[in-house]
Amino acid sequence: MRMITAVIKPFKLEEVRAALAECGVTGLTVTEVKGFGRQKGHTELYRGAEYVVDFLPKLKIEVAVRAEDVERCVDAIVHVARTGRIGDGKIFVTPVERVLRIRTGDLDEAAI
């Protein structure tokens, strides 16, 4: 099993959710996060004063999948989340040692 963590632009959430559903993903977790990479940040004007916004709003999507489904899910995320502009985000894939569904006690692949 693997955990796919994708950090994307907020307006791409619905497209990414739909693409993952087509891959057979039945559940995911979404968290509002802030950060920066090469995009750095930008300046904004508020009541006549200019200020720097260092951290940009992003969404972090986490989904646990079977190892054999990783490439298909990652490709789906990249396909719909890519705008071709700086700040499109990142995808991290990490191993998952154990999963337990609290309600039923199901373990590992049965729990996802």
Protein backbone atom coordinates (compact mmCIF):
# COMPACT_ATOMS: atom_id res chain seq x y z
CA MET A 1 0.00 0.00 0.00
CA ARG A 2 1.06 3.56 -0.64
CA MET A 3 0.00 7.01 0.53
CA ILE A 4 -0.28 9.58 -2.25
CA THR A 5 -0.03 13.14 -0.97
CA ALA A 6 -0.72 15.82 -3.54
CA VAL A 7 -0.42 19.56 -2.92
CA ILE A 8 -2.48 21.37 -5.56
CA LYS A 9 -4.05 24.71 -6.41
CA PRO A 10 -7.44 25.02 -4.67
CA PHE A 11 -9.50 25.50 -7.84
CA LYS A 12 -8.33 22.09 -9.12
CA LEU A 13 -9.89 20.10 -6.25
CA GLU A 14 -13.09 18.99 -7.98
CA GLU A 15 -11.25 17.86 -11.11
CA VAL A 16 -8.72 15.89 -9.05
CA ARG A 17 -11.48 14.29 -6.96
CA ALA A 18 -13.33 13.21 -10.12
CA ALA A 19 -10.15 11.83 -11.72
CA LEU A 20 -9.36 9.79 -8.60
CA ALA A 21 -12.94 8.48 -8.48
CA GLU A 22 -12.49 7.24 -12.05
CA CYS A 23 -9.40 5.36 -10.82
CA GLY A 24 -11.53 3.59 -8.21
CA VAL A 25 -10.57 5.70 -5.20
CA THR A 26 -13.47 5.66 -2.74
CA GLY A 27 -12.15 8.05 -0.09
CA LEU A 28 -9.65 10.81 0.41
CA THR A 29 -8.69 13.51 2.88
CA VAL A 30 -8.39 17.19 1.94
CA THR A 31 -6.65 19.77 4.11
CA GLU A 32 -6.31 23.51 3.51
CA VAL A 33 -2.62 24.36 3.75
CA LYS A 34 -0.32 27.28 3.00
CA GLY A 35 3.19 27.19 1.62
CA PHE A 36 5.60 28.24 -1.05
CA GLY A 37 8.23 26.81 -3.33
CA ARG A 38 9.77 28.39 -6.39
CA GLN A 39 6.60 30.44 -6.71
CA LYS A 40 7.81 32.31 -3.58
CA GLY A 41 4.76 34.46 -2.98
CA HIS A 42 3.50 37.74 -4.31
CA THR A 43 2.65 41.28 -3.31
CA GLU A 44 -0.89 42.54 -2.84
CA LEU A 45 -2.40 45.94 -2.29
CA TYR A 46 -4.69 46.41 0.73
CA ARG A 47 -6.15 49.82 1.62
CA GLY A 48 -3.42 51.55 -0.31
CA ALA A 49 -0.58 49.66 1.34
CA GLU A 50 1.46 47.04 -0.45
CA TYR A 51 2.36 43.90 1.48
CA VAL A 52 4.00 40.58 0.71
CA VAL A 53 2.05 37.34 0.85
CA ASP A 54 4.75 34.76 1.64
CA PHE A 55 2.57 31.68 1.96
CA LEU A 56 0.10 30.83 -0.77
CA PRO A 57 -3.13 28.87 -0.19
CA LYS A 58 -3.00 25.27 -1.40
CA LEU A 59 -4.90 22.06 -0.78
CA LYS A 60 -3.28 18.85 0.41
CA ILE A 61 -4.99 15.68 -0.77
CA GLU A 62 -4.12 12.38 0.90
CA VAL A 63 -5.26 9.04 -0.46
CA ALA A 64 -4.18 5.49 0.41
CA VAL A 65 -4.09 3.10 -2.54
CA ARG A 66 -2.85 -0.38 -3.41
CA ALA A 67 0.73 -0.38 -4.72
CA GLU A 68 -0.42 -1.47 -8.18
CA ASP A 69 -2.78 1.53 -8.45
CA VAL A 70 -0.17 4.21 -7.66
CA GLU A 71 0.96 5.07 -11.19
CA ARG A 72 -2.60 5.28 -12.54
CA CYS A 73 -3.67 7.58 -9.68
CA VAL A 74 -0.57 9.78 -9.93
CA ASP A 75 -1.01 10.11 -13.71
CA ALA A 76 -4.66 11.08 -13.19
CA ILE A 77 -3.73 13.79 -10.68
CA VAL A 78 -1.00 15.19 -12.93
CA HIS A 79 -3.29 15.19 -15.97
CA VAL A 80 -6.01 17.32 -14.34
CA ALA A 81 -3.96 19.44 -11.89
CA ARG A 82 -1.33 20.67 -14.37
CA THR A 83 -1.86 24.20 -15.65
CA GLY A 84 1.68 24.57 -16.97
CA ARG A 85 2.31 27.55 -14.71
CA ILE A 86 4.52 27.81 -11.66
CA GLY A 87 2.82 26.68 -8.45
CA ASP A 88 0.93 23.67 -9.83
CA GLY A 89 2.07 21.69 -6.80
CA LYS A 90 3.82 18.46 -5.88
CA ILE A 91 2.98 14.78 -5.42
CA PHE A 92 4.65 12.58 -2.81
CA VAL A 93 4.29 8.79 -2.69
CA THR A 94 5.21 7.04 0.55
CA PRO A 95 4.85 3.47 1.78
CA VAL A 96 2.08 2.58 4.24
CA GLU A 97 2.91 -0.18 6.71
CA ARG A 98 -0.52 -0.75 8.17
CA VAL A 99 -4.12 0.45 7.86
CA LEU A 100 -6.91 -0.31 10.31
CA ARG A 101 -10.56 0.63 9.88
CA ILE A 102 -11.68 1.65 13.37
CA ARG A 103 -15.37 0.75 12.94
CA THR A 104 -14.94 -2.82 11.65
CA GLY A 105 -11.38 -3.77 12.52
CA ASP A 106 -10.57 -4.42 8.83
CA LEU A 107 -6.85 -4.44 8.15
CA ASP A 108 -4.64 -3.19 5.34
CA GLU A 109 -6.15 -3.40 1.81
CA ALA A 110 -9.55 -4.38 3.21
CA ALA A 111 -9.52 -1.16 5.22
CA ILE A 112 -8.97 1.14 2.25
